[in-house]
C-alpha atoms as a PDB file:
ATOM      1  CA  MET A   1       2.682  66.666  51.496  1.00  0.00           C
ATOM      2  CA  ARG A   2       0.728  69.447  49.766  1.00  0.00           C
ATOM      3  CA  ALA A   3      -1.511  68.301  46.950  1.00  0.00           C
ATOM      4  CA  VAL A   4      -3.848  69.891  44.448  1.00  0.00           C
ATOM      5  CA  VAL A   5      -6.641  68.410  42.346  1.00  0.00           C
ATOM      6  CA  LEU A   6      -6.483  69.545  38.713  1.00  0.00           C
ATOM      7  CA  ILE A   7      -9.649  69.290  36.615  1.00  0.00           C
ATOM      8  CA  PRO A   8      -9.483  70.281  32.919  1.00  0.00           C
ATOM      9  CA  CYS A   9     -12.869  71.421  31.698  1.00  0.00           C
ATOM     10  CA  TYR A  10     -14.620  72.244  28.439  1.00  0.00           C
ATOM     11  CA  ARG A  11     -18.394  72.523  28.089  1.00  0.00           C
ATOM     12  CA  GLU A  12     -19.149  70.701  31.349  1.00  0.00           C
ATOM     13  CA  ARG A  13     -22.092  72.814  32.496  1.00  0.00           C
ATOM     14  CA  GLY A  14     -24.345  70.796  34.778  1.00  0.00           C
ATOM     15  CA  ARG A  15     -21.506  68.413  35.685  1.00  0.00           C
ATOM     16  CA  ILE A  16     -18.405  70.333  36.760  1.00  0.00           C
ATOM     17  CA  GLY A  17     -20.069  71.865  39.818  1.00  0.00           C
ATOM     18  CA  ASN A  18     -21.065  68.464  41.156  1.00  0.00           C
ATOM     19  CA  VAL A  19     -17.553  67.122  40.527  1.00  0.00           C
ATOM     20  CA  VAL A  20     -15.945  69.992  42.434  1.00  0.00           C
ATOM     21  CA  ARG A  21     -18.373  69.697  45.352  1.00  0.00           C
ATOM     22  CA  SER A  22     -17.817  65.934  45.555  1.00  0.00           C
ATOM     23  CA  VAL A  23     -14.040  66.328  45.640  1.00  0.00           C
ATOM     24  CA  ARG A  24     -14.195  69.064  48.266  1.00  0.00           C
ATOM     25  CA  ALA A  25     -16.548  66.975  50.411  1.00  0.00           C
ATOM     26  CA  ALA A  26     -14.267  63.922  50.217  1.00  0.00           C
ATOM     27  CA  PHE A  27     -11.009  65.887  50.649  1.00  0.00           C
ATOM     28  CA  PRO A  28     -11.654  69.228  52.384  1.00  0.00           C
ATOM     29  CA  ASP A  29      -7.897  69.792  52.849  1.00  0.00           C
ATOM     30  CA  LEU A  30      -7.077  69.533  49.135  1.00  0.00           C
ATOM     31  CA  ASP A  31      -7.131  72.565  46.864  1.00  0.00           C
ATOM     32  CA  VAL A  32      -9.239  72.152  43.727  1.00  0.00           C
ATOM     33  CA  VAL A  33      -8.258  73.928  40.519  1.00  0.00           C
ATOM     34  CA  VAL A  34     -10.424  73.839  37.392  1.00  0.00           C
ATOM     35  CA  ILE A  35      -8.750  74.766  34.101  1.00  0.00           C
ATOM     36  CA  ASP A  36     -11.522  76.003  31.844  1.00  0.00           C
ATOM     37  CA  ASP A  37     -10.505  75.828  28.179  1.00  0.00           C
ATOM     38  CA  ALA A  38     -12.631  78.803  27.085  1.00  0.00           C
ATOM     39  CA  SER A  39     -15.962  77.008  27.481  1.00  0.00           C
ATOM     40  CA  PRO A  40     -18.770  78.922  25.736  1.00  0.00           C
ATOM     41  CA  ASP A  41     -21.198  77.898  28.491  1.00  0.00           C
ATOM     42  CA  SER A  42     -21.275  78.638  32.230  1.00  0.00           C
ATOM     43  CA  SER A  43     -18.785  75.912  33.223  1.00  0.00           C
ATOM     44  CA  ALA A  44     -16.289  78.375  34.704  1.00  0.00           C
ATOM     45  CA  CYS A  45     -18.926  80.133  36.843  1.00  0.00           C
ATOM     46  CA  GLU A  46     -20.324  76.800  37.983  1.00  0.00           C
ATOM     47  CA  ALA A  47     -16.889  75.559  39.064  1.00  0.00           C
ATOM     48  CA  ARG A  48     -16.115  78.807  40.871  1.00  0.00           C
ATOM     49  CA  SER A  49     -19.443  78.749  42.703  1.00  0.00           C
ATOM     50  CA  ALA A  50     -18.704  75.195  43.855  1.00  0.00           C
ATOM     51  CA  GLY A  51     -15.479  76.366  45.499  1.00  0.00           C
ATOM     52  CA  ALA A  52     -12.770  75.769  42.907  1.00  0.00           C
ATOM     53  CA  LEU A  53     -10.046  78.138  41.826  1.00  0.00           C
ATOM     54  CA  VAL A  54     -10.679  78.602  38.094  1.00  0.00           C
ATOM     55  CA  LEU A  55      -7.890  79.210  35.564  1.00  0.00           C
ATOM     56  CA  ARG A  56      -9.537  80.234  32.311  1.00  0.00           C
ATOM     57  CA  HIS A  57      -8.011  80.213  28.828  1.00  0.00           C
ATOM     58  CA  GLY A  58      -8.825  83.176  26.603  1.00  0.00           C
ATOM     59  CA  CYS A  59      -9.378  80.847  23.647  1.00  0.00           C
ATOM     60  CA  ASN A  60      -9.810  77.115  23.205  1.00  0.00           C
ATOM     61  CA  LEU A  61      -6.353  75.494  23.203  1.00  0.00           C
ATOM     62  CA  GLY A  62      -7.135  71.799  23.671  1.00  0.00           C
ATOM     63  CA  TYR A  63      -7.225  69.237  26.450  1.00  0.00           C
ATOM     64  CA  GLY A  64      -3.456  68.874  26.686  1.00  0.00           C
ATOM     65  CA  ALA A  65      -2.940  72.622  26.909  1.00  0.00           C
ATOM     66  CA  ALA A  66      -5.486  72.792  29.734  1.00  0.00           C
ATOM     67  CA  LEU A  67      -3.570  70.125  31.609  1.00  0.00           C
ATOM     68  CA  GLU A  68      -0.267  71.911  31.037  1.00  0.00           C
ATOM     69  CA  THR A  69      -1.738  75.115  32.465  1.00  0.00           C
ATOM     70  CA  GLY A  70      -2.707  73.141  35.559  1.00  0.00           C
ATOM     71  CA  TYR A  71       0.746  71.567  35.797  1.00  0.00           C
ATOM     72  CA  MET A  72       2.455  74.955  35.585  1.00  0.00           C
ATOM     73  CA  HIS A  73       0.180  76.285  38.322  1.00  0.00           C
ATOM     74  CA  ALA A  74       0.883  73.280  40.559  1.00  0.00           C
ATOM     75  CA  LEU A  75       4.634  73.583  40.066  1.00  0.00           C
ATOM     76  CA  ALA A  76       4.734  77.354  40.584  1.00  0.00           C
ATOM     77  CA  SER A  77       2.528  77.059  43.685  1.00  0.00           C
ATOM     78  CA  GLY A  78       4.881  74.590  45.348  1.00  0.00           C
ATOM     79  CA  TYR A  79       2.596  71.563  45.515  1.00  0.00           C
ATOM     80  CA  ASP A  80       4.316  68.238  46.167  1.00  0.00           C
ATOM     81  CA  PHE A  81       2.014  66.392  43.792  1.00  0.00           C
ATOM     82  CA  ALA A  82      -1.160  66.776  41.781  1.00  0.00           C
ATOM     83  CA  VAL A  83      -4.202  64.591  41.266  1.00  0.00           C
ATOM     84  CA  GLN A  84      -5.631  64.840  37.765  1.00  0.00           C
ATOM     85  CA  MET A  85      -9.253  63.964  37.020  1.00  0.00           C
ATOM     86  CA  ASP A  86     -11.885  64.771  34.399  1.00  0.00           C
ATOM     87  CA  GLY A  87     -14.784  67.159  34.879  1.00  0.00           C
ATOM     88  CA  ASP A  88     -17.510  64.936  33.410  1.00  0.00           C
ATOM     89  CA  GLY A  89     -18.144  62.766  36.478  1.00  0.00           C
ATOM     90  CA  GLN A  90     -16.401  59.602  35.258  1.00  0.00           C
ATOM     91  CA  HIS A  91     -13.608  59.813  37.820  1.00  0.00           C
ATOM     92  CA  LEU A  92     -14.933  59.192  41.315  1.00  0.00           C
ATOM     93  CA  PRO A  93     -13.581  61.148  44.312  1.00  0.00           C
ATOM     94  CA  ASP A  94     -13.785  58.077  46.570  1.00  0.00           C
ATOM     95  CA  GLN A  95     -11.119  56.462  44.357  1.00  0.00           C
ATOM     96  CA  VAL A  96      -8.608  59.304  44.742  1.00  0.00           C
ATOM     97  CA  ARG A  97      -6.971  57.735  47.801  1.00  0.00           C
ATOM     98  CA  LEU A  98      -6.091  54.674  45.708  1.00  0.00           C
ATOM     99  CA  ILE A  99      -4.115  56.657  43.160  1.00  0.00           C
ATOM    100  CA  MET A 100      -2.503  58.881  45.814  1.00  0.00           C
ATOM    101  CA  ALA A 101      -1.168  55.938  47.851  1.00  0.00           C
ATOM    102  CA  PRO A 102       1.894  55.041  45.681  1.00  0.00           C
ATOM    103  CA  VAL A 103       2.900  58.719  45.558  1.00  0.00           C
ATOM    104  CA  LEU A 104       2.538  59.131  49.308  1.00  0.00           C
ATOM    105  CA  ASN A 105       4.661  56.052  50.039  1.00  0.00           C
ATOM    106  CA  GLY A 106       7.322  57.186  47.562  1.00  0.00           C
ATOM    107  CA  SER A 107       7.058  54.270  45.147  1.00  0.00           C
ATOM    108  CA  ALA A 108       5.884  56.148  42.018  1.00  0.00           C
ATOM    109  CA  ASP A 109       6.232  59.389  40.087  1.00  0.00           C
ATOM    110  CA  ILE A 110       3.046  58.796  38.072  1.00  0.00           C
ATOM    111  CA  VAL A 111       0.060  56.689  39.148  1.00  0.00           C
ATOM    112  CA  ILE A 112      -2.539  55.747  36.556  1.00  0.00           C
ATOM    113  CA  GLY A 113      -6.052  54.805  37.619  1.00  0.00           C
ATOM    114  CA  SER A 114      -7.151  51.873  35.463  1.00  0.00           C
ATOM    115  CA  ARG A 115     -10.813  51.155  34.739  1.00  0.00           C
ATOM    116  CA  TYR A 116      -9.866  47.483  34.240  1.00  0.00           C
ATOM    117  CA  ARG A 117     -10.404  45.917  37.656  1.00  0.00           C
ATOM    118  CA  PRO A 118      -9.726  42.381  38.928  1.00  0.00           C
ATOM    119  CA  ASP A 119     -13.473  41.692  39.024  1.00  0.00           C
ATOM    120  CA  GLY A 120     -13.629  42.253  35.264  1.00  0.00           C
ATOM    121  CA  ALA A 121     -15.762  45.415  35.481  1.00  0.00           C
ATOM    122  CA  THR A 122     -14.974  48.224  33.053  1.00  0.00           C
ATOM    123  CA  ALA A 123     -16.548  51.563  32.207  1.00  0.00           C
ATOM    124  CA  THR A 124     -15.813  51.768  28.491  1.00  0.00           C
ATOM    125  CA  THR A 125     -16.900  50.584  25.054  1.00  0.00           C
ATOM    126  CA  PRO A 126     -15.552  47.587  23.077  1.00  0.00           C
ATOM    127  CA  LEU A 127     -13.960  49.958  20.526  1.00  0.00           C
ATOM    128  CA  ARG A 128     -12.087  51.853  23.211  1.00  0.00           C
ATOM    129  CA  ARG A 129     -11.057  48.617  24.895  1.00  0.00           C
ATOM    130  CA  ALA A 130      -9.470  47.587  21.591  1.00  0.00           C
ATOM    131  CA  GLY A 131      -7.601  50.890  21.452  1.00  0.00           C
ATOM    132  CA  HIS A 132      -6.392  50.502  25.016  1.00  0.00           C
ATOM    133  CA  ALA A 133      -5.136  47.007  24.224  1.00  0.00           C
ATOM    134  CA  LEU A 134      -3.291  48.237  21.115  1.00  0.00           C
ATOM    135  CA  PHE A 135      -1.433  51.032  22.876  1.00  0.00           C
ATOM    136  CA  ALA A 136      -0.755  48.840  25.912  1.00  0.00           C
ATOM    137  CA  SER A 137       0.851  46.291  23.590  1.00  0.00           C
ATOM    138  CA  VAL A 138       3.054  48.945  21.975  1.00  0.00           C
ATOM    139  CA  LEU A 139       4.203  50.184  25.387  1.00  0.00           C
ATOM    140  CA  ARG A 140       4.937  46.648  26.547  1.00  0.00           C
ATOM    141  CA  LEU A 141       6.981  45.893  23.425  1.00  0.00           C
ATOM    142  CA  THR A 142       8.936  49.164  23.519  1.00  0.00           C
ATOM    143  CA  THR A 143       9.510  49.592  27.252  1.00  0.00           C
ATOM    144  CA  GLY A 144       8.470  46.379  29.029  1.00  0.00           C
ATOM    145  CA  LEU A 145       5.870  48.401  30.930  1.00  0.00           C
ATOM    146  CA  ARG A 146       2.667  46.452  31.495  1.00  0.00           C
ATOM    147  CA  LEU A 147      -0.411  48.673  31.656  1.00  0.00           C
ATOM    148  CA  SER A 148      -4.047  47.834  31.042  1.00  0.00           C
ATOM    149  CA  ASP A 149      -5.372  51.400  30.635  1.00  0.00           C
ATOM    150  CA  PRO A 150      -2.665  53.680  29.159  1.00  0.00           C
ATOM    151  CA  THR A 151      -5.241  56.265  28.023  1.00  0.00           C
ATOM    152  CA  SER A 152      -6.658  56.958  31.494  1.00  0.00           C
ATOM    153  CA  GLY A 153      -6.713  60.615  32.548  1.00  0.00           C
ATOM    154  CA  PHE A 154      -7.213  59.731  36.223  1.00  0.00           C
ATOM    155  CA  GLN A 155      -3.700  60.155  37.600  1.00  0.00           C
ATOM    156  CA  ALA A 156      -1.482  61.272  40.457  1.00  0.00           C
ATOM    157  CA  ILE A 157       1.683  63.144  39.441  1.00  0.00           C
ATOM    158  CA  THR A 158       4.739  64.143  41.490  1.00  0.00           C
ATOM    159  CA  ARG A 159       6.823  67.308  41.134  1.00  0.00           C
ATOM    160  CA  ARG A 160       9.427  65.351  39.174  1.00  0.00           C
ATOM    161  CA  ALA A 161       6.784  64.484  36.563  1.00  0.00           C
ATOM    162  CA  LEU A 162       5.439  68.052  36.639  1.00  0.00           C
ATOM    163  CA  HIS A 163       8.900  69.311  35.681  1.00  0.00           C
ATOM    164  CA  LEU A 164       8.893  67.024  32.651  1.00  0.00           C
ATOM    165  CA  PHE A 165       5.349  67.958  31.650  1.00  0.00           C
ATOM    166  CA  THR A 166       6.157  71.682  31.735  1.00  0.00           C
ATOM    167  CA  SER A 167       9.423  71.388  29.801  1.00  0.00           C
ATOM    168  CA  GLY A 168       7.758  72.173  26.453  1.00  0.00           C
ATOM    169  CA  ALA A 169       7.238  68.616  25.205  1.00  0.00           C
ATOM    170  CA  PHE A 170       3.688  68.038  26.426  1.00  0.00           C
ATOM    171  CA  PRO A 171       1.114  67.638  23.577  1.00  0.00           C
ATOM    172  CA  CYS A 172      -1.599  70.278  23.354  1.00  0.00           C
ATOM    173  CA  ASP A 173      -4.481  68.102  22.145  1.00  0.00           C
ATOM    174  CA  TYR A 174      -4.456  64.408  23.136  1.00  0.00           C
ATOM    175  CA  PRO A 175      -1.756  63.554  25.715  1.00  0.00           C
ATOM    176  CA  ASP A 176      -1.879  59.785  25.920  1.00  0.00           C
ATOM    177  CA  SER A 177       0.342  56.731  25.523  1.00  0.00           C
ATOM    178  CA  ASP A 178       2.990  58.918  23.892  1.00  0.00           C
ATOM    179  CA  VAL A 179       3.348  60.787  27.198  1.00  0.00           C
ATOM    180  CA  ILE A 180       3.687  57.521  29.109  1.00  0.00           C
ATOM    181  CA  LEU A 181       6.430  56.436  26.709  1.00  0.00           C
ATOM    182  CA  MET A 182       8.186  59.779  27.188  1.00  0.00           C
ATOM    183  CA  CYS A 183       7.968  59.399  30.975  1.00  0.00           C
ATOM    184  CA  ARG A 184       9.342  55.880  30.836  1.00  0.00           C
ATOM    185  CA  LEU A 185      12.297  56.937  28.678  1.00  0.00           C
ATOM    186  CA  ALA A 186      12.920  59.862  31.062  1.00  0.00           C
ATOM    187  CA  GLY A 187      13.242  57.423  33.955  1.00  0.00           C
ATOM    188  CA  LEU A 188      10.007  58.178  35.795  1.00  0.00           C
ATOM    189  CA  ARG A 189       8.447  55.416  37.869  1.00  0.00           C
ATOM    190  CA  ILE A 190       4.979  54.547  36.573  1.00  0.00           C
ATOM    191  CA  VAL A 191       2.440  52.506  38.530  1.00  0.00           C
ATOM    192  CA  GLU A 192      -1.103  51.483  37.632  1.00  0.00           C
ATOM    193  CA  VAL A 193      -3.848  50.808  40.170  1.00  0.00           C
ATOM    194  CA  PRO A 194      -7.393  49.529  39.483  1.00  0.00           C
ATOM    195  CA  VAL A 195     -10.194  51.993  40.251  1.00  0.00           C
ATOM    196  CA  ARG A 196     -13.939  52.256  39.791  1.00  0.00           C
ATOM    197  CA  MET A 197     -15.163  54.671  37.146  1.00  0.00           C
ATOM    198  CA  ALA A 198     -18.645  55.831  36.231  1.00  0.00           C
ATOM    199  CA  ASP A 199     -20.222  56.410  32.842  1.00  0.00           C
ATOM    200  CA  ARG A 200     -20.034  59.931  31.484  1.00  0.00           C
ATOM    201  CA  SER A 201     -23.016  61.808  32.929  1.00  0.00           C
ATOM    202  CA  GLY A 202     -23.743  63.859  29.807  1.00  0.00           C
ATOM    203  CA  GLY A 203     -22.257  66.202  27.256  1.00  0.00           C
ATOM    204  CA  GLN A 204     -20.022  65.173  24.381  1.00  0.00           C
ATOM    205  CA  SER A 205     -16.853  63.147  24.729  1.00  0.00           C
ATOM    206  CA  MET A 206     -13.683  64.516  23.148  1.00  0.00           C
ATOM    207  CA  HIS A 207     -13.505  61.153  21.330  1.00  0.00           C
ATOM    208  CA  ALA A 208     -16.889  61.579  19.623  1.00  0.00           C
ATOM    209  CA  GLY A 209     -17.484  61.436  15.865  1.00  0.00           C
ATOM    210  CA  LEU A 210     -14.425  60.972  13.659  1.00  0.00           C
ATOM    211  CA  ARG A 211     -12.038  62.117  16.369  1.00  0.00           C
ATOM    212  CA  PRO A 212     -10.990  58.557  17.321  1.00  0.00           C
ATOM    213  CA  LEU A 213      -9.482  58.146  13.824  1.00  0.00           C
ATOM    214  CA  TYR A 214      -7.397  61.291  14.211  1.00  0.00           C
ATOM    215  CA  TYR A 215      -6.592  60.365  17.803  1.00  0.00           C
ATOM    216  CA  SER A 216      -5.296  56.904  16.911  1.00  0.00           C
ATOM    217  CA  ALA A 217      -3.172  58.142  14.008  1.00  0.00           C
ATOM    218  CA  LYS A 218      -1.826  61.074  16.007  1.00  0.00           C
ATOM    219  CA  VAL A 219      -0.868  59.045  19.090  1.00  0.00           C
ATOM    220  CA  THR A 220       0.768  56.324  16.986  1.00  0.00           C
ATOM    221  CA  LEU A 221       2.885  58.878  15.098  1.00  0.00           C
ATOM    222  CA  SER A 222       3.676  60.740  18.319  1.00  0.00           C
ATOM    223  CA  MET A 223       4.865  57.551  20.024  1.00  0.00           C
ATOM    224  CA  PHE A 224       7.208  56.938  17.080  1.00  0.00           C
ATOM    225  CA  ILE A 225       8.629  60.473  17.361  1.00  0.00           C
ATOM    226  CA  VAL A 226       9.021  60.137  21.137  1.00  0.00           C
ATOM    227  CA  ALA A 227      10.945  56.890  20.662  1.00  0.00           C
ATOM    228  CA  LEU A 228      13.265  58.518  18.091  1.00  0.00           C
ATOM    229  CA  ASN A 229      14.104  61.214  20.631  1.00  0.00           C
ATOM    230  CA  PHE A 230      15.063  58.820  23.413  1.00  0.00           C
ATOM    231  CA  LEU A 231      18.418  60.597  23.855  1.00  0.00           C
ATOM    232  CA  VAL A 232      16.535  63.809  24.694  1.00  0.00           C
ATOM    233  CA  TRP A 233      14.636  62.108  27.511  1.00  0.00           C
ATOM    234  CA  ARG A 234      17.802  60.484  28.856  1.00  0.00           C
ATOM    235  CA  ALA A 235      19.483  63.889  28.909  1.00  0.00           C
ATOM    236  CA  TRP A 236      16.474  65.334  30.755  1.00  0.00           C
ATOM    237  CA  ARG A 237      16.742  62.537  33.294  1.00  0.00           C
ATOM    238  CA  ARG A 238      20.432  63.303  33.960  1.00  0.00           C
ATOM    239  CA  GLU A 239      19.796  67.031  34.238  1.00  0.00           C
ATOM    240  CA  ARG A 240      16.787  66.597  36.532  1.00  0.00           C
ATOM    241  CA  THR A 241      18.742  64.212  38.775  1.00  0.00           C
ATOM    242  CA  ALA A 242      21.583  66.741  39.006  1.00  0.00           C
ATOM    243  CA  ASN A 243      19.136  69.541  39.796  1.00  0.00           C
ATOM    244  CA  GLU A 244      17.481  67.526  42.553  1.00  0.00           C
ATOM    245  CA  ALA A 245      20.856  66.695  44.039  1.00  0.00           C
ATOM    246  CA  GLY A 246      21.718  70.402  44.009  1.00  0.00           C
ATOM    247  CA  GLU A 247      18.406  71.319  45.630  1.00  0.00           C
ATOM    248  CA  LYS A 248      19.003  68.820  48.418  1.00  0.00           C
ATOM    249  CA  GLY A 249      22.533  70.117  48.884  1.00  0.00           C
ATOM    250  CA  GLY A 250      21.386  73.731  48.998  1.00  0.00           C
ATOM    251  CA  SER A 251      22.921  74.846  45.707  1.00  0.00           C
ATOM    252  CA  THR A 252      21.053  76.722  42.996  1.00  0.00           C
ATOM    253  CA  PRO A 253      19.234  74.415  40.572  1.00  0.00           C
ATOM    254  CA  CYS A 254      19.851  74.719  36.818  1.00  0.00           C
ATOM    255  CA  LEU A 255      16.166  74.793  35.828  1.00  0.00           C
END
């Protein structure tokens, strides 16, 4: 199976190059694509020098938009699945095999790398742990899905999920638990695996300052809207299933 590593990036000078080199050293057969969201620093040049293909936005569009650009590239390039990780050094290349395993054995469409491990170790703050618990509770109550880290950006994603994420419904700023809810309602198989994560090696988190207040309100409202549109996701699931059946049978797909 062909796979690509997608790394959204904004103002990660001094970090993104090391991330790219570490991924390429651990997985020399995987392509690495950095989506630079119009960083005003030398992040794009640093990533390119480290050996990544760089897709650069002309203006800053947001984290979600950077991911969507990567998803569209992965889908158009014919990759079987994508590994998504951050460019700040928190997501460790030696953990990639753990999140790829359920995709490779065909048991999941989306694999989430959770920083909550059986040994009790976590790489996050008490405030963020509270947020994770809140959104995990909402997902459990609405879908029965039990996740410990629904906000994790360390993921493996199949082509089926890529089709959903490039259908026009993916949020441009903070894709989070609302996306997981959408995936669940669309019939995608979601699995969580525990992984090790490191502390951010520098720079500013996208959740700094007052952003967590906006983030919490936005994701909560977005989850409500996603739930109201459950018929849309069911229709997508039926259409995607029909398309896949047509592809296997040699007919022309609808999408």
